[in-house]
Amino acid sequence: MRYSELTEDLKRSDIKKYMKIAHKIKKDCQPYLNATTTPLSLYRGMSQSDAFGIRSIRLDDRNTQAMPEDKHIQLNDYFTAAFGEPFRNSMFCLGDREAAGEFGSLNLVFPIGDFSFCWAPKVDDLNNFRYRNAMPKQQAEFQKWVGTLGYTTKNLDAGIESGNEIMVRCEKYYAVNVDRYDGLQIKPTEIKEILAGVL
């Protein structure tokens, strides 16, 4: 067998693998796929570099290194009162591919089953935003301040298009790495093309 034929066989093998992944996403992620017209645009930078995996989201209270604990609690109080869920206990995603890649290996993410989301047109990243804009120290004033940021649980497409931070709550999600070349005969751009053909 010539090298070119071997390479083509390997490429077909990768294509079949990602076709199976795409069909799995289509089967298990219908609520997400129905909520957006751009399902291949929700990104997350991750420390794991697996080509594909199922990840769990920690939805209970957790310590956060980026946000002071008192503000983390107050934010969750606000989100719970406004939307019924503590959205700071979420998976943090971005519609901005380059910005997401700064946090680690770039992955497309697909929430499995029922999910919820929250984002704000004014807030690219809440932790960075608080450094650029003084946050009130008193809780009552802080709650009012958060209320001026425009957080919403509607229009996922607009959230993705904004490139801003999107907080996603679900139990598990699929992560498809689009940085990986190792061991693959297809490029990340081709991975997206394969997924798009099924989704």
N, C-alpha and C. Protein backbone atom coordinates (compact mmCIF):
# COMPACT_ATOMS: atom_id res chain seq x y z
N MET A 1 0.85 -1.20 0.00
CA MET A 1 0.00 0.00 0.00
C MET A 1 0.88 1.25 0.00
N ARG A 2 0.57 2.16 -0.89
CA ARG A 2 1.32 3.40 -0.94
C ARG A 2 0.99 4.28 0.27
N TYR A 3 1.94 5.18 0.60
CA TYR A 3 1.75 6.07 1.76
C TYR A 3 0.49 6.89 1.61
N SER A 4 0.21 7.40 0.41
CA SER A 4 -0.97 8.23 0.19
C SER A 4 -2.25 7.45 0.47
N GLU A 5 -2.26 6.16 0.10
CA GLU A 5 -3.44 5.32 0.36
C GLU A 5 -3.60 5.07 1.85
N LEU A 6 -2.48 4.84 2.53
CA LEU A 6 -2.52 4.62 3.98
C LEU A 6 -3.05 5.87 4.68
N THR A 7 -2.55 7.04 4.27
CA THR A 7 -3.01 8.30 4.86
C THR A 7 -4.50 8.49 4.65
N GLU A 8 -4.97 8.17 3.46
CA GLU A 8 -6.39 8.32 3.16
C GLU A 8 -7.24 7.37 4.00
N ASP A 9 -6.75 6.15 4.21
CA ASP A 9 -7.47 5.20 5.06
C ASP A 9 -7.55 5.71 6.50
N LEU A 10 -6.45 6.28 6.99
CA LEU A 10 -6.43 6.82 8.35
C LEU A 10 -7.40 8.00 8.45
N LYS A 11 -7.42 8.83 7.44
CA LYS A 11 -8.31 9.99 7.44
C LYS A 11 -9.77 9.54 7.46
N ARG A 12 -10.09 8.53 6.66
CA ARG A 12 -11.47 8.02 6.65
C ARG A 12 -11.85 7.46 8.02
N SER A 13 -10.88 6.86 8.70
CA SER A 13 -11.13 6.31 10.03
C SER A 13 -11.48 7.43 11.01
N ASP A 14 -10.75 8.55 10.93
CA ASP A 14 -11.03 9.69 11.80
C ASP A 14 -12.39 10.29 11.48
N ILE A 15 -12.71 10.39 10.20
CA ILE A 15 -14.00 10.95 9.79
C ILE A 15 -15.14 10.10 10.36
N LYS A 16 -15.01 8.78 10.27
CA LYS A 16 -16.04 7.89 10.81
C LYS A 16 -16.19 8.08 12.32
N LYS A 17 -15.05 8.24 13.00
CA LYS A 17 -15.10 8.44 14.46
C LYS A 17 -15.87 9.70 14.81
N TYR A 18 -15.60 10.80 14.10
CA TYR A 18 -16.28 12.04 14.41
C TYR A 18 -17.72 12.06 13.92
N MET A 19 -18.02 11.25 12.93
CA MET A 19 -19.42 11.08 12.53
C MET A 19 -20.21 10.43 13.67
N LYS A 20 -19.62 9.43 14.29
CA LYS A 20 -20.27 8.77 15.43
C LYS A 20 -20.46 9.75 16.59
N ILE A 21 -19.44 10.56 16.84
CA ILE A 21 -19.53 11.58 17.89
C ILE A 21 -20.66 12.55 17.59
N ALA A 22 -20.75 12.98 16.34
CA ALA A 22 -21.79 13.93 15.95
C ALA A 22 -23.18 13.35 16.15
N HIS A 23 -23.36 12.08 15.80
CA HIS A 23 -24.67 11.46 15.99
C HIS A 23 -25.01 11.29 17.47
N LYS A 24 -23.99 11.04 18.29
CA LYS A 24 -24.20 10.96 19.74
C LYS A 24 -24.64 12.31 20.28
N ILE A 25 -23.99 13.38 19.83
CA ILE A 25 -24.37 14.73 20.25
C ILE A 25 -25.79 15.04 19.81
N LYS A 26 -26.11 14.70 18.58
CA LYS A 26 -27.45 14.97 18.06
C LYS A 26 -28.52 14.24 18.87
N LYS A 27 -28.21 13.05 19.32
CA LYS A 27 -29.17 12.25 20.10
C LYS A 27 -29.33 12.79 21.51
N ASP A 28 -28.24 13.18 22.15
CA ASP A 28 -28.26 13.47 23.59
C ASP A 28 -28.37 14.96 23.93
N CYS A 29 -28.22 15.83 22.95
CA CYS A 29 -28.13 17.27 23.23
C CYS A 29 -29.24 18.07 22.55
N GLN A 30 -30.41 17.48 22.37
CA GLN A 30 -31.49 18.15 21.65
C GLN A 30 -31.92 19.48 22.29
N PRO A 31 -32.05 19.58 23.62
CA PRO A 31 -32.44 20.88 24.18
C PRO A 31 -31.47 22.00 23.79
N TYR A 32 -30.18 21.70 23.82
CA TYR A 32 -29.19 22.70 23.41
C TYR A 32 -29.28 23.00 21.92
N LEU A 33 -29.35 21.96 21.10
CA LEU A 33 -29.40 22.15 19.65
C LEU A 33 -30.64 22.93 19.23
N ASN A 34 -31.73 22.75 19.98
CA ASN A 34 -32.96 23.49 19.67
C ASN A 34 -32.93 24.93 20.15
N ALA A 35 -31.99 25.24 21.05
CA ALA A 35 -31.92 26.58 21.64
C ALA A 35 -31.03 27.54 20.86
N THR A 36 -30.29 27.01 19.88
CA THR A 36 -29.34 27.86 19.16
C THR A 36 -29.28 27.47 17.69
N THR A 37 -28.99 28.45 16.87
CA THR A 37 -28.76 28.19 15.45
C THR A 37 -27.26 28.09 15.17
N THR A 38 -26.43 28.28 16.20
CA THR A 38 -24.98 28.21 16.04
C THR A 38 -24.38 27.25 17.06
N PRO A 39 -24.73 25.95 16.99
CA PRO A 39 -24.28 25.00 18.02
C PRO A 39 -22.78 24.76 18.02
N LEU A 40 -22.09 25.15 16.94
CA LEU A 40 -20.65 24.92 16.88
C LEU A 40 -19.87 26.17 17.23
N SER A 41 -20.40 26.94 18.17
CA SER A 41 -19.76 28.21 18.52
C SER A 41 -19.67 28.45 20.02
N LEU A 42 -19.96 27.43 20.84
CA LEU A 42 -19.85 27.57 22.29
C LEU A 42 -18.56 26.90 22.72
N TYR A 43 -17.61 27.72 23.20
CA TYR A 43 -16.26 27.24 23.47
C TYR A 43 -15.92 27.26 24.95
N ARG A 44 -14.95 26.42 25.29
CA ARG A 44 -14.42 26.39 26.66
C ARG A 44 -12.96 25.97 26.59
N GLY A 45 -12.10 26.74 27.24
CA GLY A 45 -10.70 26.35 27.37
C GLY A 45 -10.55 25.42 28.55
N MET A 46 -9.91 24.26 28.32
CA MET A 46 -9.84 23.23 29.36
C MET A 46 -8.41 22.70 29.52
N SER A 47 -8.12 22.21 30.71
CA SER A 47 -6.79 21.64 30.95
C SER A 47 -6.67 20.26 30.29
N GLN A 48 -7.79 19.52 30.20
CA GLN A 48 -7.75 18.22 29.54
C GLN A 48 -7.61 18.41 28.04
N SER A 49 -6.85 17.51 27.42
CA SER A 49 -6.62 17.61 25.97
C SER A 49 -7.15 16.38 25.23
N ASP A 50 -8.04 15.61 25.88
CA ASP A 50 -8.63 14.47 25.19
C ASP A 50 -9.39 14.95 23.96
N ALA A 51 -9.39 14.14 22.92
CA ALA A 51 -10.08 14.53 21.69
C ALA A 51 -11.58 14.66 21.91
N PHE A 52 -12.13 13.80 22.77
CA PHE A 52 -13.57 13.81 23.01
C PHE A 52 -13.83 13.23 24.38
N GLY A 53 -14.81 13.81 25.10
CA GLY A 53 -15.11 13.26 26.41
C GLY A 53 -16.42 13.77 26.95
N ILE A 54 -16.90 13.09 27.99
CA ILE A 54 -18.08 13.51 28.73
C ILE A 54 -17.59 14.08 30.05
N ARG A 55 -17.99 15.30 30.36
CA ARG A 55 -17.55 15.97 31.58
C ARG A 55 -18.75 16.26 32.47
N SER A 56 -18.50 16.27 33.76
CA SER A 56 -19.53 16.64 34.73
C SER A 56 -19.30 18.06 35.20
N ILE A 57 -20.38 18.73 35.57
CA ILE A 57 -20.30 20.08 36.09
C ILE A 57 -20.61 20.06 37.58
N ARG A 58 -19.80 20.73 38.36
CA ARG A 58 -20.07 20.83 39.79
C ARG A 58 -21.07 21.95 40.00
N LEU A 59 -22.29 21.59 40.40
CA LEU A 59 -23.38 22.55 40.53
C LEU A 59 -23.62 23.01 41.96
N ASP A 60 -22.95 22.36 42.93
CA ASP A 60 -23.15 22.77 44.32
C ASP A 60 -22.19 23.92 44.65
N ASP A 61 -22.28 24.40 45.87
CA ASP A 61 -21.40 25.50 46.28
C ASP A 61 -19.95 25.08 46.19
N ARG A 62 -19.13 25.98 45.73
CA ARG A 62 -17.72 25.67 45.59
C ARG A 62 -16.91 26.92 45.86
N ASN A 63 -15.66 26.72 46.24
CA ASN A 63 -14.77 27.85 46.41
C ASN A 63 -14.27 28.30 45.04
N THR A 64 -14.13 29.59 44.86
CA THR A 64 -13.63 30.11 43.60
C THR A 64 -12.40 30.95 43.86
N GLN A 65 -11.35 30.69 43.11
CA GLN A 65 -10.11 31.43 43.29
C GLN A 65 -10.20 32.82 42.67
N ALA A 66 -10.98 32.93 41.60
CA ALA A 66 -11.02 34.19 40.86
C ALA A 66 -11.87 35.25 41.55
N MET A 67 -12.95 34.84 42.18
CA MET A 67 -13.90 35.79 42.77
C MET A 67 -13.86 35.68 44.30
N PRO A 68 -13.81 36.81 45.00
CA PRO A 68 -13.87 36.75 46.47
C PRO A 68 -15.11 35.98 46.93
N GLU A 69 -14.95 35.19 47.99
CA GLU A 69 -16.03 34.31 48.42
C GLU A 69 -17.32 35.06 48.75
N ASP A 70 -17.20 36.23 49.40
CA ASP A 70 -18.41 36.95 49.76
C ASP A 70 -19.16 37.43 48.52
N LYS A 71 -18.43 37.85 47.49
CA LYS A 71 -19.07 38.29 46.25
C LYS A 71 -19.66 37.11 45.49
N HIS A 72 -18.97 35.99 45.53
CA HIS A 72 -19.48 34.76 44.91
C HIS A 72 -20.84 34.39 45.51
N ILE A 73 -20.93 34.46 46.82
CA ILE A 73 -22.18 34.13 47.51
C ILE A 73 -23.27 35.15 47.16
N GLN A 74 -22.90 36.43 47.17
CA GLN A 74 -23.88 37.48 46.85
C GLN A 74 -24.36 37.39 45.41
N LEU A 75 -23.47 37.03 44.50
CA LEU A 75 -23.86 36.84 43.11
C LEU A 75 -24.86 35.69 42.99
N ASN A 76 -24.58 34.60 43.66
CA ASN A 76 -25.51 33.47 43.62
C ASN A 76 -26.85 33.83 44.25
N ASP A 77 -26.81 34.64 45.30
CA ASP A 77 -28.07 35.12 45.90
C ASP A 77 -28.87 35.90 44.87
N TYR A 78 -28.18 36.77 44.12
CA TYR A 78 -28.86 37.56 43.10
C TYR A 78 -29.44 36.66 42.00
N PHE A 79 -28.63 35.77 41.46
CA PHE A 79 -29.08 34.91 40.37
C PHE A 79 -30.22 33.99 40.81
N THR A 80 -30.15 33.49 42.03
CA THR A 80 -31.22 32.63 42.53
C THR A 80 -32.52 33.40 42.67
N ALA A 81 -32.43 34.63 43.18
CA ALA A 81 -33.63 35.45 43.32
C ALA A 81 -34.19 35.86 41.97
N ALA A 82 -33.32 36.17 41.02
CA ALA A 82 -33.76 36.67 39.71
C ALA A 82 -34.18 35.56 38.76
N PHE A 83 -33.46 34.42 38.80
CA PHE A 83 -33.67 33.39 37.79
C PHE A 83 -33.92 31.99 38.35
N GLY A 84 -33.86 31.87 39.68
CA GLY A 84 -34.14 30.57 40.29
C GLY A 84 -32.98 29.62 40.36
N GLU A 85 -31.78 30.06 39.95
CA GLU A 85 -30.61 29.18 39.97
C GLU A 85 -29.35 29.96 40.34
N PRO A 86 -28.43 29.33 41.07
CA PRO A 86 -27.17 30.00 41.44
C PRO A 86 -26.15 29.89 40.30
N PHE A 87 -26.22 30.78 39.35
CA PHE A 87 -25.47 30.62 38.11
C PHE A 87 -23.96 30.75 38.25
N ARG A 88 -23.46 31.21 39.39
CA ARG A 88 -22.00 31.21 39.55
C ARG A 88 -21.49 29.79 39.79
N ASN A 89 -22.38 28.86 40.10
CA ASN A 89 -22.01 27.45 40.18
C ASN A 89 -22.37 26.82 38.84
N SER A 90 -21.55 27.03 37.86
CA SER A 90 -21.85 26.66 36.48
C SER A 90 -20.58 26.29 35.74
N MET A 91 -20.77 25.90 34.49
CA MET A 91 -19.67 25.82 33.53
C MET A 91 -19.60 27.17 32.81
N PHE A 92 -18.39 27.72 32.70
CA PHE A 92 -18.23 29.02 32.07
C PHE A 92 -17.72 28.83 30.64
N CYS A 93 -18.48 29.37 29.69
CA CYS A 93 -18.18 29.21 28.28
C CYS A 93 -18.10 30.58 27.62
N LEU A 94 -17.62 30.58 26.38
CA LEU A 94 -17.51 31.82 25.61
C LEU A 94 -17.89 31.55 24.16
N GLY A 95 -18.43 32.56 23.52
CA GLY A 95 -18.65 32.48 22.09
C GLY A 95 -17.43 32.94 21.32
N ASP A 96 -16.45 33.49 22.01
CA ASP A 96 -15.23 34.00 21.42
C ASP A 96 -14.16 32.90 21.45
N ARG A 97 -13.85 32.36 20.28
CA ARG A 97 -12.91 31.24 20.18
C ARG A 97 -11.53 31.59 20.75
N GLU A 98 -11.00 32.75 20.37
CA GLU A 98 -9.66 33.13 20.81
C GLU A 98 -9.61 33.35 22.31
N ALA A 99 -10.62 34.02 22.85
CA ALA A 99 -10.64 34.26 24.30
C ALA A 99 -10.74 32.96 25.07
N ALA A 100 -11.55 32.03 24.59
CA ALA A 100 -11.70 30.74 25.27
C ALA A 100 -10.38 29.97 25.26
N GLY A 101 -9.64 30.07 24.15
CA GLY A 101 -8.37 29.37 24.04
C GLY A 101 -7.32 29.84 25.02
N GLU A 102 -7.50 31.04 25.58
CA GLU A 102 -6.55 31.55 26.56
C GLU A 102 -6.65 30.80 27.89
N PHE A 103 -7.75 30.07 28.10
CA PHE A 103 -7.95 29.35 29.36
C PHE A 103 -7.48 27.90 29.28
N GLY A 104 -7.04 27.46 28.11
CA GLY A 104 -6.57 26.09 27.99
C GLY A 104 -6.84 25.54 26.60
N SER A 105 -6.77 24.23 26.48
CA SER A 105 -7.02 23.58 25.20
C SER A 105 -8.45 23.84 24.76
N LEU A 106 -8.62 24.27 23.52
CA LEU A 106 -9.92 24.74 23.04
C LEU A 106 -10.87 23.59 22.74
N ASN A 107 -12.07 23.66 23.34
CA ASN A 107 -13.09 22.64 23.13
C ASN A 107 -14.41 23.27 22.73
N LEU A 108 -15.13 22.60 21.83
CA LEU A 108 -16.54 22.88 21.63
C LEU A 108 -17.30 22.13 22.70
N VAL A 109 -18.31 22.75 23.30
CA VAL A 109 -19.06 22.09 24.36
C VAL A 109 -20.53 21.96 23.97
N PHE A 110 -21.14 20.85 24.40
CA PHE A 110 -22.52 20.54 24.07
C PHE A 110 -23.21 20.03 25.34
N PRO A 111 -24.03 20.86 26.00
CA PRO A 111 -24.75 20.40 27.19
C PRO A 111 -25.63 19.19 26.87
N ILE A 112 -25.59 18.20 27.75
CA ILE A 112 -26.38 16.98 27.58
C ILE A 112 -27.71 17.14 28.30
N GLY A 113 -28.80 16.85 27.60
CA GLY A 113 -30.12 16.91 28.22
C GLY A 113 -30.53 18.34 28.57
N ASP A 114 -31.38 18.44 29.59
CA ASP A 114 -31.87 19.76 30.00
C ASP A 114 -30.72 20.63 30.51
N PHE A 115 -30.77 21.89 30.18
CA PHE A 115 -29.73 22.81 30.60
C PHE A 115 -30.33 24.20 30.74
N SER A 116 -29.61 25.08 31.40
CA SER A 116 -30.00 26.48 31.51
C SER A 116 -28.75 27.32 31.31
N PHE A 117 -28.95 28.60 30.99
CA PHE A 117 -27.81 29.46 30.73
C PHE A 117 -28.14 30.88 31.16
N CYS A 118 -27.11 31.68 31.35
CA CYS A 118 -27.28 33.07 31.75
C CYS A 118 -26.07 33.86 31.24
N TRP A 119 -26.33 35.06 30.74
CA TRP A 119 -25.26 35.91 30.23
C TRP A 119 -25.70 37.36 30.29
N ALA A 120 -24.76 38.27 30.07
CA ALA A 120 -25.07 39.70 30.09
C ALA A 120 -24.37 40.40 28.94
N PRO A 121 -25.07 41.25 28.21
CA PRO A 121 -24.45 41.98 27.09
C PRO A 121 -23.27 42.85 27.50
N LYS A 122 -23.28 43.32 28.75
CA LYS A 122 -22.24 44.24 29.21
C LYS A 122 -21.01 43.55 29.79
N VAL A 123 -21.10 42.24 30.01
CA VAL A 123 -20.06 41.56 30.80
C VAL A 123 -19.33 40.51 29.95
N ASP A 124 -18.10 40.81 29.55
CA ASP A 124 -17.32 39.82 28.80
C ASP A 124 -16.83 38.70 29.70
N ASP A 125 -16.39 39.06 30.88
CA ASP A 125 -15.94 38.11 31.90
C ASP A 125 -16.13 38.82 33.24
N LEU A 126 -16.97 38.27 34.10
CA LEU A 126 -17.35 38.99 35.31
C LEU A 126 -16.16 39.25 36.22
N ASN A 127 -15.23 38.32 36.28
CA ASN A 127 -14.07 38.54 37.13
C ASN A 127 -13.22 39.70 36.62
N ASN A 128 -13.00 39.76 35.31
CA ASN A 128 -12.26 40.89 34.73
C ASN A 128 -13.08 42.18 34.83
N PHE A 129 -14.38 42.06 34.64
CA PHE A 129 -15.27 43.22 34.67
C PHE A 129 -15.21 43.93 36.02
N ARG A 130 -15.10 43.15 37.09
CA ARG A 130 -15.09 43.77 38.43
C ARG A 130 -13.81 44.56 38.68
N TYR A 131 -12.72 44.21 37.99
CA TYR A 131 -11.49 44.99 38.13
C TYR A 131 -11.59 46.32 37.38
N ARG A 132 -12.35 46.33 36.29
CA ARG A 132 -12.50 47.56 35.50
C ARG A 132 -13.60 48.47 36.04
N ASN A 133 -14.47 47.90 36.86
CA ASN A 133 -15.61 48.66 37.38
C ASN A 133 -15.75 48.38 38.87
N ALA A 134 -15.68 49.40 39.66
CA ALA A 134 -15.73 49.23 41.12
C ALA A 134 -17.05 48.60 41.54
N MET A 135 -16.96 47.49 42.27
CA MET A 135 -18.16 46.83 42.78
C MET A 135 -18.51 47.39 44.16
N PRO A 136 -19.77 47.72 44.39
CA PRO A 136 -20.17 48.20 45.72
C PRO A 136 -19.87 47.16 46.80
N LYS A 137 -19.48 47.63 47.96
CA LYS A 137 -19.15 46.70 49.05
C LYS A 137 -20.38 46.26 49.83
N GLN A 138 -21.35 47.16 50.02
CA GLN A 138 -22.55 46.81 50.77
C GLN A 138 -23.45 45.90 49.94
N GLN A 139 -24.01 44.87 50.57
CA GLN A 139 -24.75 43.86 49.82
C GLN A 139 -25.95 44.45 49.07
N ALA A 140 -26.69 45.33 49.72
CA ALA A 140 -27.88 45.90 49.07
C ALA A 140 -27.49 46.68 47.81
N GLU A 141 -26.44 47.46 47.92
CA GLU A 141 -25.98 48.23 46.76
C GLU A 141 -25.38 47.31 45.70
N PHE A 142 -24.72 46.26 46.16
CA PHE A 142 -24.13 45.30 45.22
C PHE A 142 -25.22 44.61 44.40
N GLN A 143 -26.32 44.21 45.06
CA GLN A 143 -27.42 43.55 44.35
C GLN A 143 -28.00 44.48 43.28
N LYS A 144 -28.14 45.76 43.63
CA LYS A 144 -28.65 46.74 42.65
C LYS A 144 -27.68 46.87 41.47
N TRP A 145 -26.40 46.90 41.79
CA TRP A 145 -25.37 47.04 40.76
C TRP A 145 -25.41 45.87 39.78
N VAL A 146 -25.50 44.66 40.30
CA VAL A 146 -25.57 43.48 39.43
C VAL A 146 -26.81 43.57 38.53
N GLY A 147 -27.89 44.09 39.10
CA GLY A 147 -29.13 44.21 38.35
C GLY A 147 -29.04 45.16 37.17
N THR A 148 -28.04 46.05 37.17
CA THR A 148 -27.88 47.00 36.05
C THR A 148 -27.08 46.40 34.90
N LEU A 149 -26.54 45.20 35.08
CA LEU A 149 -25.64 44.62 34.07
C LEU A 149 -26.39 43.93 32.93
N GLY A 150 -27.68 43.72 33.11
CA GLY A 150 -28.48 43.17 32.01
C GLY A 150 -28.46 41.67 31.88
N TYR A 151 -28.21 40.95 32.97
CA TYR A 151 -28.20 39.49 32.88
C TYR A 151 -29.55 38.96 32.41
N THR A 152 -29.48 37.92 31.58
CA THR A 152 -30.69 37.34 31.02
C THR A 152 -30.51 35.83 30.82
N THR A 153 -31.61 35.12 30.81
CA THR A 153 -31.59 33.68 30.52
C THR A 153 -32.27 33.41 29.18
N LYS A 154 -32.26 34.41 28.32
CA LYS A 154 -32.89 34.28 27.01
C LYS A 154 -31.89 34.56 25.89
N ASN A 155 -32.22 34.08 24.69
CA ASN A 155 -31.48 34.38 23.46
C ASN A 155 -30.03 33.91 23.53
N LEU A 156 -29.86 32.61 23.52
CA LEU A 156 -28.52 32.02 23.56
C LEU A 156 -27.69 32.45 22.35
N ASP A 157 -28.33 32.56 21.19
CA ASP A 157 -27.59 32.98 19.99
C ASP A 157 -26.94 34.34 20.19
N ALA A 158 -27.67 35.28 20.79
CA ALA A 158 -27.11 36.61 21.04
C ALA A 158 -25.96 36.53 22.02
N GLY A 159 -26.08 35.67 23.01
CA GLY A 159 -25.00 35.48 23.97
C GLY A 159 -23.74 34.95 23.31
N ILE A 160 -23.91 33.96 22.44
CA ILE A 160 -22.77 33.40 21.72
C ILE A 160 -22.16 34.44 20.80
N GLU A 161 -23.01 35.17 20.08
CA GLU A 161 -22.53 36.18 19.15
C GLU A 161 -21.78 37.30 19.86
N SER A 162 -22.17 37.61 21.09
CA SER A 162 -21.51 38.67 21.85
C SER A 162 -20.06 38.32 22.19
N GLY A 163 -19.78 37.02 22.26
CA GLY A 163 -18.44 36.58 22.67
C GLY A 163 -18.24 36.63 24.16
N ASN A 164 -19.27 37.02 24.89
CA ASN A 164 -19.15 37.20 26.34
C ASN A 164 -19.25 35.87 27.09
N GLU A 165 -18.95 35.95 28.38
CA GLU A 165 -19.07 34.80 29.27
C GLU A 165 -20.52 34.32 29.33
N ILE A 166 -20.71 33.02 29.15
CA ILE A 166 -22.03 32.40 29.28
C ILE A 166 -21.93 31.33 30.36
N MET A 167 -22.76 31.45 31.37
CA MET A 167 -22.79 30.47 32.45
C MET A 167 -23.81 29.41 32.10
N VAL A 168 -23.38 28.16 32.07
CA VAL A 168 -24.23 27.04 31.65
C VAL A 168 -24.36 26.05 32.79
N ARG A 169 -25.60 25.71 33.11
CA ARG A 169 -25.86 24.71 34.15
C ARG A 169 -26.52 23.47 33.52
N CYS A 170 -25.86 22.35 33.70
CA CYS A 170 -26.39 21.04 33.33
C CYS A 170 -25.55 20.02 34.10
N GLU A 171 -25.99 18.79 34.13
CA GLU A 171 -25.23 17.80 34.89
C GLU A 171 -23.96 17.38 34.16
N LYS A 172 -24.07 17.18 32.84
CA LYS A 172 -22.93 16.72 32.05
C LYS A 172 -22.94 17.38 30.68
N TYR A 173 -21.80 17.33 30.03
CA TYR A 173 -21.70 17.88 28.68
C TYR A 173 -20.64 17.12 27.90
N TYR A 174 -20.77 17.17 26.59
CA TYR A 174 -19.74 16.63 25.70
C TYR A 174 -18.74 17.74 25.40
N ALA A 175 -17.47 17.38 25.38
CA ALA A 175 -16.41 18.30 24.99
C ALA A 175 -15.67 17.70 23.80
N VAL A 176 -15.60 18.46 22.72
CA VAL A 176 -14.89 18.03 21.51
C VAL A 176 -13.71 18.97 21.31
N ASN A 177 -12.51 18.43 21.45
CA ASN A 177 -11.32 19.26 21.36
C ASN A 177 -11.07 19.65 19.91
N VAL A 178 -10.93 20.95 19.67
CA VAL A 178 -10.65 21.43 18.32
C VAL A 178 -9.26 22.07 18.23
N ASP A 179 -8.39 21.72 19.18
CA ASP A 179 -6.98 22.07 19.11
C ASP A 179 -6.14 20.88 18.69
N ARG A 180 -6.68 19.71 18.82
CA ARG A 180 -5.88 18.50 18.70
C ARG A 180 -5.49 18.19 17.25
N TYR A 181 -4.23 17.90 17.10
CA TYR A 181 -3.74 17.33 15.85
C TYR A 181 -3.13 15.95 16.12
N ASP A 182 -2.69 15.71 17.36
CA ASP A 182 -1.96 14.50 17.70
C ASP A 182 -2.76 13.25 17.31
N GLY A 183 -2.17 12.45 16.47
CA GLY A 183 -2.78 11.17 16.10
C GLY A 183 -3.94 11.29 15.14
N LEU A 184 -4.26 12.51 14.69
CA LEU A 184 -5.37 12.70 13.76
C LEU A 184 -4.86 13.03 12.37
N GLN A 185 -5.56 12.51 11.39
CA GLN A 185 -5.25 12.85 10.01
C GLN A 185 -6.11 14.02 9.52
N ILE A 186 -7.10 14.40 10.31
CA ILE A 186 -7.96 15.53 9.94
C ILE A 186 -7.64 16.72 10.83
N LYS A 187 -7.91 17.90 10.31
CA LYS A 187 -7.63 19.14 11.03
C LYS A 187 -8.84 19.57 11.85
N PRO A 188 -8.64 20.43 12.86
CA PRO A 188 -9.77 20.93 13.65
C PRO A 188 -10.87 21.55 12.80
N THR A 189 -10.49 22.25 11.73
CA THR A 189 -11.53 22.84 10.87
C THR A 189 -12.38 21.76 10.23
N GLU A 190 -11.77 20.63 9.91
CA GLU A 190 -12.52 19.52 9.33
C GLU A 190 -13.44 18.87 10.36
N ILE A 191 -13.01 18.88 11.62
CA ILE A 191 -13.86 18.34 12.69
C ILE A 191 -15.17 19.12 12.74
N LYS A 192 -15.09 20.44 12.69
CA LYS A 192 -16.27 21.27 12.71
C LYS A 192 -17.15 21.00 11.48
N GLU A 193 -16.53 20.78 10.33
CA GLU A 193 -17.28 20.51 9.11
C GLU A 193 -18.04 19.19 9.23
N ILE A 194 -17.41 18.21 9.82
CA ILE A 194 -18.06 16.90 10.00
C ILE A 194 -19.25 17.03 10.95
N LEU A 195 -19.03 17.71 12.08
CA LEU A 195 -20.11 17.90 13.04
C LEU A 195 -21.26 18.68 12.41
N ALA A 196 -20.92 19.73 11.66
CA ALA A 196 -21.95 20.57 11.03
C ALA A 196 -22.78 19.77 10.05
N GLY A 197 -22.19 18.80 9.39
CA GLY A 197 -22.91 17.99 8.42
C GLY A 197 -23.99 17.13 9.06
N VAL A 198 -23.82 16.82 10.35
CA VAL A 198 -24.80 15.98 11.05
C VAL A 198 -25.76 16.85 11.88
N LEU A 199 -25.23 17.89 12.55
CA LEU A 199 -26.04 18.70 13.43
C LEU A 199 -26.83 19.75 12.66
